[in-house]
């Protein structure tokens, strides 16, 4: 239940970020939003909501991210866009796990 609550909070954050054109978007925001979403998507086996992925894409396209978080966010979006997030490639999983862990969001399900 805690993972679902974290995913809901992340979705609300994404919607808030995507609706504020002048939001001060930081690289940490990508991890704060993406890590719980990936964990929840893998747990439930469901595809993340279109609004959530759209918000992450807006963050990706904002130009506010350096190369490392940009690459990480691309991997997260590919997992969230997939029909079966648990079947992501090993390199993608490693990139996502390492990024989440190094930013204080260890994953439990990927």
PDB file of N, CA and C in Angstrom:
ATOM      1  N   UNK A   1       0.816  -1.191   0.000  1.00  0.00           N
ATOM      2  CA  UNK A   1       0.000   0.000   0.000  1.00  0.00           C
ATOM      3  C   UNK A   1       0.859   1.253   0.000  1.00  0.00           C
ATOM      4  N   UNK A   2       2.011   1.228   0.680  1.00  0.00           N
ATOM      5  CA  UNK A   2       2.905   2.370   0.733  1.00  0.00           C
ATOM      6  C   UNK A   2       3.444   2.731  -0.644  1.00  0.00           C
ATOM      7  N   UNK A   3       3.707   1.717  -1.466  1.00  0.00           N
ATOM      8  CA  UNK A   3       4.220   1.966  -2.816  1.00  0.00           C
ATOM      9  C   UNK A   3       3.171   2.660  -3.670  1.00  0.00           C
ATOM     10  N   UNK A   4       1.937   2.270  -3.499  1.00  0.00           N
ATOM     11  CA  UNK A   4       0.864   2.908  -4.263  1.00  0.00           C
ATOM     12  C   UNK A   4       0.720   4.364  -3.846  1.00  0.00           C
ATOM     13  N   UNK A   5       0.805   4.628  -2.548  1.00  0.00           N
ATOM     14  CA  UNK A   5       0.726   6.009  -2.066  1.00  0.00           C
ATOM     15  C   UNK A   5       1.882   6.831  -2.621  1.00  0.00           C
ATOM     16  N   UNK A   6       3.081   6.253  -2.658  1.00  0.00           N
ATOM     17  CA  UNK A   6       4.231   6.962  -3.215  1.00  0.00           C
ATOM     18  C   UNK A   6       4.020   7.264  -4.688  1.00  0.00           C
ATOM     19  N   UNK A   7       3.430   6.326  -5.400  1.00  0.00           N
ATOM     20  CA  UNK A   7       3.156   6.538  -6.821  1.00  0.00           C
ATOM     21  C   UNK A   7       2.137   7.647  -7.018  1.00  0.00           C
ATOM     22  N   UNK A   8       1.130   7.693  -6.164  1.00  0.00           N
ATOM     23  CA  UNK A   8       0.115   8.746  -6.267  1.00  0.00           C
ATOM     24  C   UNK A   8       0.743  10.111  -6.022  1.00  0.00           C
ATOM     25  N   UNK A   9       1.596  10.204  -5.003  1.00  0.00           N
ATOM     26  CA  UNK A   9       2.286  11.459  -4.722  1.00  0.00           C
ATOM     27  C   UNK A   9       3.142  11.863  -5.909  1.00  0.00           C
ATOM     28  N   UNK A  10       3.827  10.903  -6.502  1.00  0.00           N
ATOM     29  CA  UNK A  10       4.665  11.194  -7.661  1.00  0.00           C
ATOM     30  C   UNK A  10       3.830  11.680  -8.838  1.00  0.00           C
ATOM     31  N   UNK A  11       2.696  11.080  -9.061  1.00  0.00           N
ATOM     32  CA  UNK A  11       1.815  11.500 -10.154  1.00  0.00           C
ATOM     33  C   UNK A  11       1.356  12.935  -9.929  1.00  0.00           C
ATOM     34  N   UNK A  12       0.962  13.246  -8.719  1.00  0.00           N
ATOM     35  CA  UNK A  12       0.528  14.615  -8.407  1.00  0.00           C
ATOM     36  C   UNK A  12       1.674  15.589  -8.654  1.00  0.00           C
ATOM     37  N   UNK A  13       2.878  15.206  -8.278  1.00  0.00           N
ATOM     38  CA  UNK A  13       4.043  16.052  -8.499  1.00  0.00           C
ATOM     39  C   UNK A  13       4.286  16.266  -9.986  1.00  0.00           C
ATOM     40  N   UNK A  14       4.185  15.197 -10.771  1.00  0.00           N
ATOM     41  CA  UNK A  14       4.389  15.306 -12.211  1.00  0.00           C
ATOM     42  C   UNK A  14       3.352  16.225 -12.831  1.00  0.00           C
ATOM     43  N   UNK A  15       2.112  16.061 -12.457  1.00  0.00           N
ATOM     44  CA  UNK A  15       1.053  16.912 -12.998  1.00  0.00           C
ATOM     45  C   UNK A  15       1.317  18.360 -12.621  1.00  0.00           C
ATOM     46  N   UNK A  16       1.737  18.573 -11.398  1.00  0.00           N
ATOM     47  CA  UNK A  16       2.070  19.929 -10.966  1.00  0.00           C
ATOM     48  C   UNK A  16       3.215  20.503 -11.765  1.00  0.00           C
ATOM     49  N   UNK A  17       4.257  19.718 -11.991  1.00  0.00           N
ATOM     50  CA  UNK A  17       5.393  20.190 -12.771  1.00  0.00           C
ATOM     51  C   UNK A  17       5.006  20.470 -14.211  1.00  0.00           C
ATOM     52  N   UNK A  18       4.195  19.600 -14.770  1.00  0.00           N
ATOM     53  CA  UNK A  18       3.845  19.779 -16.177  1.00  0.00           C
ATOM     54  C   UNK A  18       2.891  20.948 -16.381  1.00  0.00           C
ATOM     55  N   UNK A  19       2.164  21.333 -15.332  1.00  0.00           N
ATOM     56  CA  UNK A  19       1.226  22.444 -15.484  1.00  0.00           C
ATOM     57  C   UNK A  19       1.874  23.786 -15.182  1.00  0.00           C
ATOM     58  N   UNK A  20       3.074  23.792 -14.627  1.00  0.00           N
ATOM     59  CA  UNK A  20       3.767  25.038 -14.300  1.00  0.00           C
ATOM     60  C   UNK A  20       4.910  25.235 -15.280  1.00  0.00           C
ATOM     61  N   UNK A  21       4.715  26.085 -16.244  1.00  0.00           N
ATOM     62  CA  UNK A  21       5.736  26.297 -17.264  1.00  0.00           C
ATOM     63  C   UNK A  21       7.014  26.868 -16.664  1.00  0.00           C
ATOM     64  N   UNK A  22       6.894  27.626 -15.578  1.00  0.00           N
ATOM     65  CA  UNK A  22       8.072  28.260 -15.002  1.00  0.00           C
ATOM     66  C   UNK A  22       8.595  27.512 -13.786  1.00  0.00           C
ATOM     67  N   UNK A  23       8.215  26.257 -13.630  1.00  0.00           N
ATOM     68  CA  UNK A  23       8.651  25.471 -12.475  1.00  0.00           C
ATOM     69  C   UNK A  23      10.167  25.366 -12.465  1.00  0.00           C
ATOM     70  N   UNK A  24      10.759  25.462 -11.278  1.00  0.00           N
ATOM     71  CA  UNK A  24      12.196  25.332 -11.118  1.00  0.00           C
ATOM     72  C   UNK A  24      12.523  23.847 -11.069  1.00  0.00           C
ATOM     73  N   UNK A  25      12.749  23.246 -12.210  1.00  0.00           N
ATOM     74  CA  UNK A  25      12.961  21.810 -12.318  1.00  0.00           C
ATOM     75  C   UNK A  25      14.435  21.511 -12.093  1.00  0.00           C
ATOM     76  N   UNK A  26      14.687  20.597 -11.166  1.00  0.00           N
ATOM     77  CA  UNK A  26      16.044  20.196 -10.836  1.00  0.00           C
ATOM     78  C   UNK A  26      16.228  18.712 -11.175  1.00  0.00           C
ATOM     79  N   UNK A  27      17.481  18.285 -11.381  1.00  0.00           N
ATOM     80  CA  UNK A  27      17.703  16.866 -11.669  1.00  0.00           C
ATOM     81  C   UNK A  27      17.126  15.946 -10.602  1.00  0.00           C
ATOM     82  N   UNK A  28      17.150  16.374  -9.341  1.00  0.00           N
ATOM     83  CA  UNK A  28      16.614  15.543  -8.263  1.00  0.00           C
ATOM     84  C   UNK A  28      15.128  15.248  -8.460  1.00  0.00           C
ATOM     85  N   UNK A  29      14.423  16.175  -9.116  1.00  0.00           N
ATOM     86  CA  UNK A  29      12.996  15.978  -9.361  1.00  0.00           C
ATOM     87  C   UNK A  29      12.758  14.740 -10.221  1.00  0.00           C
ATOM     88  N   UNK A  30      13.629  14.496 -11.165  1.00  0.00           N
ATOM     89  CA  UNK A  30      13.479  13.325 -12.032  1.00  0.00           C
ATOM     90  C   UNK A  30      13.521  12.048 -11.206  1.00  0.00           C
ATOM     91  N   UNK A  31      14.458  11.971 -10.285  1.00  0.00           N
ATOM     92  CA  UNK A  31      14.599  10.775  -9.448  1.00  0.00           C
ATOM     93  C   UNK A  31      13.458  10.678  -8.431  1.00  0.00           C
ATOM     94  N   UNK A  32      13.088  11.801  -7.858  1.00  0.00           N
ATOM     95  CA  UNK A  32      12.012  11.836  -6.858  1.00  0.00           C
ATOM     96  C   UNK A  32      10.700  11.337  -7.460  1.00  0.00           C
ATOM     97  N   UNK A  33      10.481  11.639  -8.714  1.00  0.00           N
ATOM     98  CA  UNK A  33       9.247  11.248  -9.399  1.00  0.00           C
ATOM     99  C   UNK A  33       9.384   9.856 -10.020  1.00  0.00           C
ATOM    100  N   UNK A  34      10.468   9.645 -10.749  1.00  0.00           N
ATOM    101  CA  UNK A  34      10.615   8.420 -11.527  1.00  0.00           C
ATOM    102  C   UNK A  34      10.827   7.157 -10.726  1.00  0.00           C
ATOM    103  N   UNK A  35      11.603   7.232  -9.647  1.00  0.00           N
ATOM    104  CA  UNK A  35      11.919   6.013  -8.886  1.00  0.00           C
ATOM    105  C   UNK A  35      10.677   5.344  -8.301  1.00  0.00           C
ATOM    106  N   UNK A  36       9.822   6.077  -7.580  1.00  0.00           N
ATOM    107  CA  UNK A  36       8.620   5.406  -7.053  1.00  0.00           C
ATOM    108  C   UNK A  36       7.696   4.901  -8.161  1.00  0.00           C
ATOM    109  N   UNK A  37       7.652   5.630  -9.281  1.00  0.00           N
ATOM    110  CA  UNK A  37       6.785   5.197 -10.379  1.00  0.00           C
ATOM    111  C   UNK A  37       7.267   3.889 -10.992  1.00  0.00           C
ATOM    112  N   UNK A  38       8.569   3.770 -11.188  1.00  0.00           N
ATOM    113  CA  UNK A  38       9.113   2.529 -11.748  1.00  0.00           C
ATOM    114  C   UNK A  38       8.844   1.380 -10.791  1.00  0.00           C
ATOM    115  N   UNK A  39       9.111   1.602  -9.502  1.00  0.00           N
ATOM    116  CA  UNK A  39       8.878   0.557  -8.510  1.00  0.00           C
ATOM    117  C   UNK A  39       7.417   0.120  -8.510  1.00  0.00           C
ATOM    118  N   UNK A  40       6.501   1.073  -8.556  1.00  0.00           N
ATOM    119  CA  UNK A  40       5.071   0.757  -8.552  1.00  0.00           C
ATOM    120  C   UNK A  40       4.649   0.058  -9.846  1.00  0.00           C
ATOM    121  N   UNK A  41       5.179   0.512 -10.981  1.00  0.00           N
ATOM    122  CA  UNK A  41       4.806  -0.087 -12.262  1.00  0.00           C
ATOM    123  C   UNK A  41       5.258  -1.541 -12.336  1.00  0.00           C
ATOM    124  N   UNK A  42       6.444  -1.816 -11.833  1.00  0.00           N
ATOM    125  CA  UNK A  42       6.954  -3.190 -11.863  1.00  0.00           C
ATOM    126  C   UNK A  42       6.156  -4.059 -10.893  1.00  0.00           C
ATOM    127  N   UNK A  43       5.797  -3.507  -9.738  1.00  0.00           N
ATOM    128  CA  UNK A  43       5.032  -4.260  -8.741  1.00  0.00           C
ATOM    129  C   UNK A  43       3.662  -4.648  -9.260  1.00  0.00           C
ATOM    130  N   UNK A  44       2.966  -3.700  -9.849  1.00  0.00           N
ATOM    131  CA  UNK A  44       1.597  -3.942 -10.284  1.00  0.00           C
ATOM    132  C   UNK A  44       1.532  -4.541 -11.678  1.00  0.00           C
ATOM    133  N   UNK A  45       2.634  -4.439 -12.432  1.00  0.00           N
ATOM    134  CA  UNK A  45       2.641  -4.949 -13.790  1.00  0.00           C
ATOM    135  C   UNK A  45       1.830  -4.089 -14.743  1.00  0.00           C
ATOM    136  N   UNK A  46       1.496  -2.884 -14.290  1.00  0.00           N
ATOM    137  CA  UNK A  46       0.686  -2.013 -15.137  1.00  0.00           C
ATOM    138  C   UNK A  46       1.535  -0.925 -15.772  1.00  0.00           C
ATOM    139  N   UNK A  47       1.015  -0.374 -16.815  1.00  0.00           N
ATOM    140  CA  UNK A  47       1.668   0.726 -17.506  1.00  0.00           C
ATOM    141  C   UNK A  47       1.316   2.011 -16.765  1.00  0.00           C
ATOM    142  N   UNK A  48       2.293   2.881 -16.613  1.00  0.00           N
ATOM    143  CA  UNK A  48       2.043   4.157 -15.940  1.00  0.00           C
ATOM    144  C   UNK A  48       1.056   4.973 -16.751  1.00  0.00           C
ATOM    145  N   UNK A  49       0.310   5.808 -16.075  1.00  0.00           N
ATOM    146  CA  UNK A  49      -0.679   6.648 -16.732  1.00  0.00           C
ATOM    147  C   UNK A  49      -0.058   7.559 -17.772  1.00  0.00           C
ATOM    148  N   UNK A  50      -0.831   7.851 -18.801  1.00  0.00           N
ATOM    149  CA  UNK A  50      -0.334   8.702 -19.881  1.00  0.00           C
ATOM    150  C   UNK A  50       0.059  10.079 -19.370  1.00  0.00           C
ATOM    151  N   UNK A  51      -0.693  10.615 -18.410  1.00  0.00           N
ATOM    152  CA  UNK A  51      -0.372  11.937 -17.863  1.00  0.00           C
ATOM    153  C   UNK A  51       0.970  11.905 -17.143  1.00  0.00           C
ATOM    154  N   UNK A  52       1.245  10.817 -16.452  1.00  0.00           N
ATOM    155  CA  UNK A  52       2.505  10.684 -15.738  1.00  0.00           C
ATOM    156  C   UNK A  52       3.672  10.648 -16.703  1.00  0.00           C
ATOM    157  N   UNK A  53       3.565   9.818 -17.715  1.00  0.00           N
ATOM    158  CA  UNK A  53       4.635   9.711 -18.699  1.00  0.00           C
ATOM    159  C   UNK A  53       4.784  11.027 -19.455  1.00  0.00           C
ATOM    160  N   UNK A  54       3.675  11.688 -19.743  1.00  0.00           N
ATOM    161  CA  UNK A  54       3.733  12.991 -20.421  1.00  0.00           C
ATOM    162  C   UNK A  54       4.469  14.009 -19.551  1.00  0.00           C
ATOM    163  N   UNK A  55       4.225  13.979 -18.251  1.00  0.00           N
ATOM    164  CA  UNK A  55       4.923  14.883 -17.337  1.00  0.00           C
ATOM    165  C   UNK A  55       6.417  14.603 -17.304  1.00  0.00           C
ATOM    166  N   UNK A  56       6.781  13.330 -17.284  1.00  0.00           N
ATOM    167  CA  UNK A  56       8.202  12.972 -17.302  1.00  0.00           C
ATOM    168  C   UNK A  56       8.847  13.366 -18.628  1.00  0.00           C
ATOM    169  N   UNK A  57       8.119  13.234 -19.713  1.00  0.00           N
ATOM    170  CA  UNK A  57       8.652  13.648 -21.017  1.00  0.00           C
ATOM    171  C   UNK A  57       8.852  15.160 -21.051  1.00  0.00           C
ATOM    172  N   UNK A  58       7.942  15.887 -20.428  1.00  0.00           N
ATOM    173  CA  UNK A  58       8.080  17.343 -20.366  1.00  0.00           C
ATOM    174  C   UNK A  58       9.327  17.707 -19.565  1.00  0.00           C
ATOM    175  N   UNK A  59       9.554  17.009 -18.459  1.00  0.00           N
ATOM    176  CA  UNK A  59      10.760  17.214 -17.674  1.00  0.00           C
ATOM    177  C   UNK A  59      11.993  16.889 -18.503  1.00  0.00           C
ATOM    178  N   UNK A  60      11.948  15.781 -19.232  1.00  0.00           N
ATOM    179  CA  UNK A  60      13.062  15.376 -20.099  1.00  0.00           C
ATOM    180  C   UNK A  60      13.359  16.445 -21.148  1.00  0.00           C
ATOM    181  N   UNK A  61      12.315  17.019 -21.720  1.00  0.00           N
ATOM    182  CA  UNK A  61      12.468  17.985 -22.798  1.00  0.00           C
ATOM    183  C   UNK A  61      12.714  19.409 -22.313  1.00  0.00           C
ATOM    184  N   UNK A  62      12.723  19.612 -21.003  1.00  0.00           N
ATOM    185  CA  UNK A  62      12.829  20.963 -20.441  1.00  0.00           C
ATOM    186  C   UNK A  62      14.193  21.605 -20.656  1.00  0.00           C
ATOM    187  N   UNK A  63      15.215  20.792 -20.892  1.00  0.00           N
ATOM    188  CA  UNK A  63      16.561  21.338 -21.036  1.00  0.00           C
ATOM    189  C   UNK A  63      17.224  21.597 -19.696  1.00  0.00           C
ATOM    190  N   UNK A  64      16.580  21.238 -18.607  1.00  0.00           N
ATOM    191  CA  UNK A  64      17.102  21.495 -17.262  1.00  0.00           C
ATOM    192  C   UNK A  64      17.990  20.371 -16.742  1.00  0.00           C
ATOM    193  N   UNK A  65      18.055  19.265 -17.460  1.00  0.00           N
ATOM    194  CA  UNK A  65      18.792  18.103 -16.967  1.00  0.00           C
ATOM    195  C   UNK A  65      20.156  17.979 -17.636  1.00  0.00           C
ATOM    196  N   UNK A  66      21.128  17.544 -16.850  1.00  0.00           N
ATOM    197  CA  UNK A  66      22.444  17.229 -17.400  1.00  0.00           C
ATOM    198  C   UNK A  66      22.366  15.879 -18.107  1.00  0.00           C
ATOM    199  N   UNK A  67      23.472  15.473 -18.708  1.00  0.00           N
ATOM    200  CA  UNK A  67      23.488  14.245 -19.518  1.00  0.00           C
ATOM    201  C   UNK A  67      23.116  13.000 -18.718  1.00  0.00           C
ATOM    202  N   UNK A  68      23.644  12.851 -17.494  1.00  0.00           N
ATOM    203  CA  UNK A  68      23.375  11.636 -16.711  1.00  0.00           C
ATOM    204  C   UNK A  68      21.896  11.503 -16.344  1.00  0.00           C
ATOM    205  N   UNK A  69      21.277  12.526 -15.739  1.00  0.00           N
ATOM    206  CA  UNK A  69      19.853  12.366 -15.438  1.00  0.00           C
ATOM    207  C   UNK A  69      18.989  12.288 -16.698  1.00  0.00           C
ATOM    208  N   UNK A  70      19.438  12.893 -17.771  1.00  0.00           N
ATOM    209  CA  UNK A  70      18.704  12.820 -19.035  1.00  0.00           C
ATOM    210  C   UNK A  70      18.671  11.374 -19.538  1.00  0.00           C
ATOM    211  N   UNK A  71      19.817  10.719 -19.508  1.00  0.00           N
ATOM    212  CA  UNK A  71      19.917   9.321 -19.942  1.00  0.00           C
ATOM    213  C   UNK A  71      19.087   8.418 -19.031  1.00  0.00           C
ATOM    214  N   UNK A  72      19.165   8.691 -17.727  1.00  0.00           N
ATOM    215  CA  UNK A  72      18.405   7.917 -16.757  1.00  0.00           C
ATOM    216  C   UNK A  72      16.908   8.081 -17.000  1.00  0.00           C
ATOM    217  N   UNK A  73      16.474   9.317 -17.230  1.00  0.00           N
ATOM    218  CA  UNK A  73      15.054   9.584 -17.445  1.00  0.00           C
ATOM    219  C   UNK A  73      14.556   8.921 -18.718  1.00  0.00           C
ATOM    220  N   UNK A  74      15.371   8.886 -19.758  1.00  0.00           N
ATOM    221  CA  UNK A  74      15.001   8.166 -20.987  1.00  0.00           C
ATOM    222  C   UNK A  74      14.734   6.698 -20.679  1.00  0.00           C
ATOM    223  N   UNK A  75      15.590   6.104 -19.844  1.00  0.00           N
ATOM    224  CA  UNK A  75      15.411   4.697 -19.475  1.00  0.00           C
ATOM    225  C   UNK A  75      14.116   4.510 -18.691  1.00  0.00           C
ATOM    226  N   UNK A  76      13.849   5.413 -17.761  1.00  0.00           N
ATOM    227  CA  UNK A  76      12.617   5.335 -16.961  1.00  0.00           C
ATOM    228  C   UNK A  76      11.397   5.440 -17.861  1.00  0.00           C
ATOM    229  N   UNK A  77      11.414   6.388 -18.778  1.00  0.00           N
ATOM    230  CA  UNK A  77      10.278   6.571 -19.694  1.00  0.00           C
ATOM    231  C   UNK A  77      10.083   5.318 -20.539  1.00  0.00           C
ATOM    232  N   UNK A  78      11.175   4.710 -20.996  1.00  0.00           N
ATOM    233  CA  UNK A  78      11.037   3.499 -21.813  1.00  0.00           C
ATOM    234  C   UNK A  78      10.403   2.367 -21.006  1.00  0.00           C
ATOM    235  N   UNK A  79      10.748   2.263 -19.724  1.00  0.00           N
ATOM    236  CA  UNK A  79      10.155   1.225 -18.878  1.00  0.00           C
ATOM    237  C   UNK A  79       8.683   1.532 -18.623  1.00  0.00           C
ATOM    238  N   UNK A  80       8.371   2.776 -18.307  1.00  0.00           N
ATOM    239  CA  UNK A  80       6.986   3.144 -18.010  1.00  0.00           C
ATOM    240  C   UNK A  80       6.087   3.073 -19.236  1.00  0.00           C
ATOM    241  N   UNK A  81       6.671   3.265 -20.413  1.00  0.00           N
ATOM    242  CA  UNK A  81       5.903   3.185 -21.665  1.00  0.00           C
ATOM    243  C   UNK A  81       5.702   1.743 -22.136  1.00  0.00           C
ATOM    244  N   UNK A  82       6.465   0.818 -21.563  1.00  0.00           N
ATOM    245  CA  UNK A  82       6.410  -0.561 -22.059  1.00  0.00           C
ATOM    246  C   UNK A  82       5.169  -1.296 -21.551  1.00  0.00           C
ATOM    247  N   UNK A  83       4.783  -2.296 -22.289  1.00  0.00           N
ATOM    248  CA  UNK A  83       3.620  -3.107 -21.904  1.00  0.00           C
ATOM    249  C   UNK A  83       3.912  -3.954 -20.669  1.00  0.00           C
ATOM    250  N   UNK A  84       5.182  -4.324 -20.468  1.00  0.00           N
ATOM    251  CA  UNK A  84       5.561  -5.127 -19.310  1.00  0.00           C
ATOM    252  C   UNK A  84       6.858  -4.566 -18.724  1.00  0.00           C
ATOM    253  N   UNK A  85       6.761  -3.618 -17.784  1.00  0.00           N
ATOM    254  CA  UNK A  85       7.939  -2.961 -17.223  1.00  0.00           C
ATOM    255  C   UNK A  85       8.961  -3.927 -16.631  1.00  0.00           C
ATOM    256  N   UNK A  86       8.529  -5.068 -16.135  1.00  0.00           N
ATOM    257  CA  UNK A  86       9.451  -6.030 -15.522  1.00  0.00           C
ATOM    258  C   UNK A  86      10.380  -6.672 -16.553  1.00  0.00           C
ATOM    259  N   UNK A  87      10.058  -6.576 -17.823  1.00  0.00           N
ATOM    260  CA  UNK A  87      10.863  -7.208 -18.865  1.00  0.00           C
ATOM    261  C   UNK A  87      11.886  -6.255 -19.484  1.00  0.00           C
ATOM    262  N   UNK A  88      12.195  -5.166 -18.804  1.00  0.00           N
ATOM    263  CA  UNK A  88      13.205  -4.227 -19.304  1.00  0.00           C
ATOM    264  C   UNK A  88      14.547  -4.941 -19.402  1.00  0.00           C
ATOM    265  N   UNK A  89      15.391  -4.491 -20.303  1.00  0.00           N
ATOM    266  CA  UNK A  89      16.712  -5.092 -20.474  1.00  0.00           C
ATOM    267  C   UNK A  89      17.593  -4.895 -19.248  1.00  0.00           C
ATOM    268  N   UNK A  90      18.589  -5.747 -19.107  1.00  0.00           N
ATOM    269  CA  UNK A  90      19.479  -5.688 -17.944  1.00  0.00           C
ATOM    270  C   UNK A  90      20.195  -4.341 -17.833  1.00  0.00           C
ATOM    271  N   UNK A  91      20.672  -3.798 -18.965  1.00  0.00           N
ATOM    272  CA  UNK A  91      21.365  -2.510 -18.933  1.00  0.00           C
ATOM    273  C   UNK A  91      20.431  -1.407 -18.461  1.00  0.00           C
ATOM    274  N   UNK A  92      19.197  -1.433 -18.933  1.00  0.00           N
ATOM    275  CA  UNK A  92      18.207  -0.431 -18.531  1.00  0.00           C
ATOM    276  C   UNK A  92      17.911  -0.549 -17.044  1.00  0.00           C
ATOM    277  N   UNK A  93      17.710  -1.770 -16.570  1.00  0.00           N
ATOM    278  CA  UNK A  93      17.434  -1.987 -15.148  1.00  0.00           C
ATOM    279  C   UNK A  93      18.597  -1.500 -14.288  1.00  0.00           C
ATOM    280  N   UNK A  94      19.814  -1.820 -14.703  1.00  0.00           N
ATOM    281  CA  UNK A  94      20.994  -1.406 -13.942  1.00  0.00           C
ATOM    282  C   UNK A  94      21.101   0.112 -13.890  1.00  0.00           C
ATOM    283  N   UNK A  95      20.901   0.766 -15.009  1.00  0.00           N
ATOM    284  CA  UNK A  95      20.952   2.224 -15.066  1.00  0.00           C
ATOM    285  C   UNK A  95      19.919   2.842 -14.127  1.00  0.00           C
ATOM    286  N   UNK A  96      18.695   2.327 -14.172  1.00  0.00           N
ATOM    287  CA  UNK A  96      17.627   2.864 -13.328  1.00  0.00           C
ATOM    288  C   UNK A  96      17.913   2.587 -11.853  1.00  0.00           C
ATOM    289  N   UNK A  97      18.279   1.351 -11.520  1.00  0.00           N
ATOM    290  CA  UNK A  97      18.575   1.000 -10.118  1.00  0.00           C
ATOM    291  C   UNK A  97      19.710   1.848  -9.563  1.00  0.00           C
ATOM    292  N   UNK A  98      20.793   1.977 -10.322  1.00  0.00           N
ATOM    293  CA  UNK A  98      21.946   2.748  -9.859  1.00  0.00           C
ATOM    294  C   UNK A  98      21.590   4.219  -9.667  1.00  0.00           C
ATOM    295  N   UNK A  99      20.836   4.772 -10.608  1.00  0.00           N
ATOM    296  CA  UNK A  99      20.428   6.178 -10.494  1.00  0.00           C
ATOM    297  C   UNK A  99      19.550   6.416  -9.278  1.00  0.00           C
ATOM    298  N   UNK A 100      18.612   5.534  -9.056  1.00  0.00           N
ATOM    299  CA  UNK A 100      17.722   5.677  -7.898  1.00  0.00           C
ATOM    300  C   UNK A 100      18.496   5.528  -6.595  1.00  0.00           C
ATOM    301  N   UNK A 101      19.344   4.515  -6.521  1.00  0.00           N
ATOM    302  CA  UNK A 101      20.110   4.271  -5.297  1.00  0.00           C
ATOM    303  C   UNK A 101      21.046   5.430  -4.981  1.00  0.00           C
ATOM    304  N   UNK A 102      21.700   5.975  -5.992  1.00  0.00           N
ATOM    305  CA  UNK A 102      22.659   7.062  -5.752  1.00  0.00           C
ATOM    306  C   UNK A 102      21.966   8.374  -5.384  1.00  0.00           C
ATOM    307  N   UNK A 103      20.660   8.441  -5.593  1.00  0.00           N
ATOM    308  CA  UNK A 103      19.909   9.647  -5.226  1.00  0.00           C
ATOM    309  C   UNK A 103      18.959   9.401  -4.045  1.00  0.00           C
ATOM    310  N   UNK A 104      19.200   8.299  -3.326  1.00  0.00           N
ATOM    311  CA  UNK A 104      18.454   8.045  -2.097  1.00  0.00           C
ATOM    312  C   UNK A 104      17.102   7.375  -2.269  1.00  0.00           C
ATOM    313  N   UNK A 105      16.877   6.749  -3.415  1.00  0.00           N
ATOM    314  CA  UNK A 105      15.596   6.078  -3.674  1.00  0.00           C
ATOM    315  C   UNK A 105      15.839   4.622  -4.108  1.00  0.00           C
ATOM    316  N   UNK A 106      16.311   3.781  -3.220  1.00  0.00           N
ATOM    317  CA  UNK A 106      16.573   2.393  -3.638  1.00  0.00           C
ATOM    318  C   UNK A 106      15.275   1.704  -4.077  1.00  0.00           C
ATOM    319  N   UNK A 107      15.377   0.979  -5.158  1.00  0.00           N
ATOM    320  CA  UNK A 107      14.214   0.263  -5.684  1.00  0.00           C
ATOM    321  C   UNK A 107      14.100  -1.100  -5.019  1.00  0.00           C
ATOM    322  N   UNK A 108      12.891  -1.570  -4.896  1.00  0.00           N
ATOM    323  CA  UNK A 108      12.635  -2.857  -4.262  1.00  0.00           C
ATOM    324  C   UNK A 108      12.120  -3.897  -5.249  1.00  0.00           C
ATOM    325  N   UNK A 109      11.720  -3.485  -6.431  1.00  0.00           N
ATOM    326  CA  UNK A 109      11.031  -4.403  -7.335  1.00  0.00           C
ATOM    327  C   UNK A 109      11.648  -4.523  -8.730  1.00  0.00           C
ATOM    328  N   UNK A 110      12.663  -3.783  -9.029  1.00  0.00           N
ATOM    329  CA  UNK A 110      13.227  -3.821 -10.387  1.00  0.00           C
ATOM    330  C   UNK A 110      14.511  -4.615 -10.382  1.00  0.00           C
TER     331      UNK A 110
END
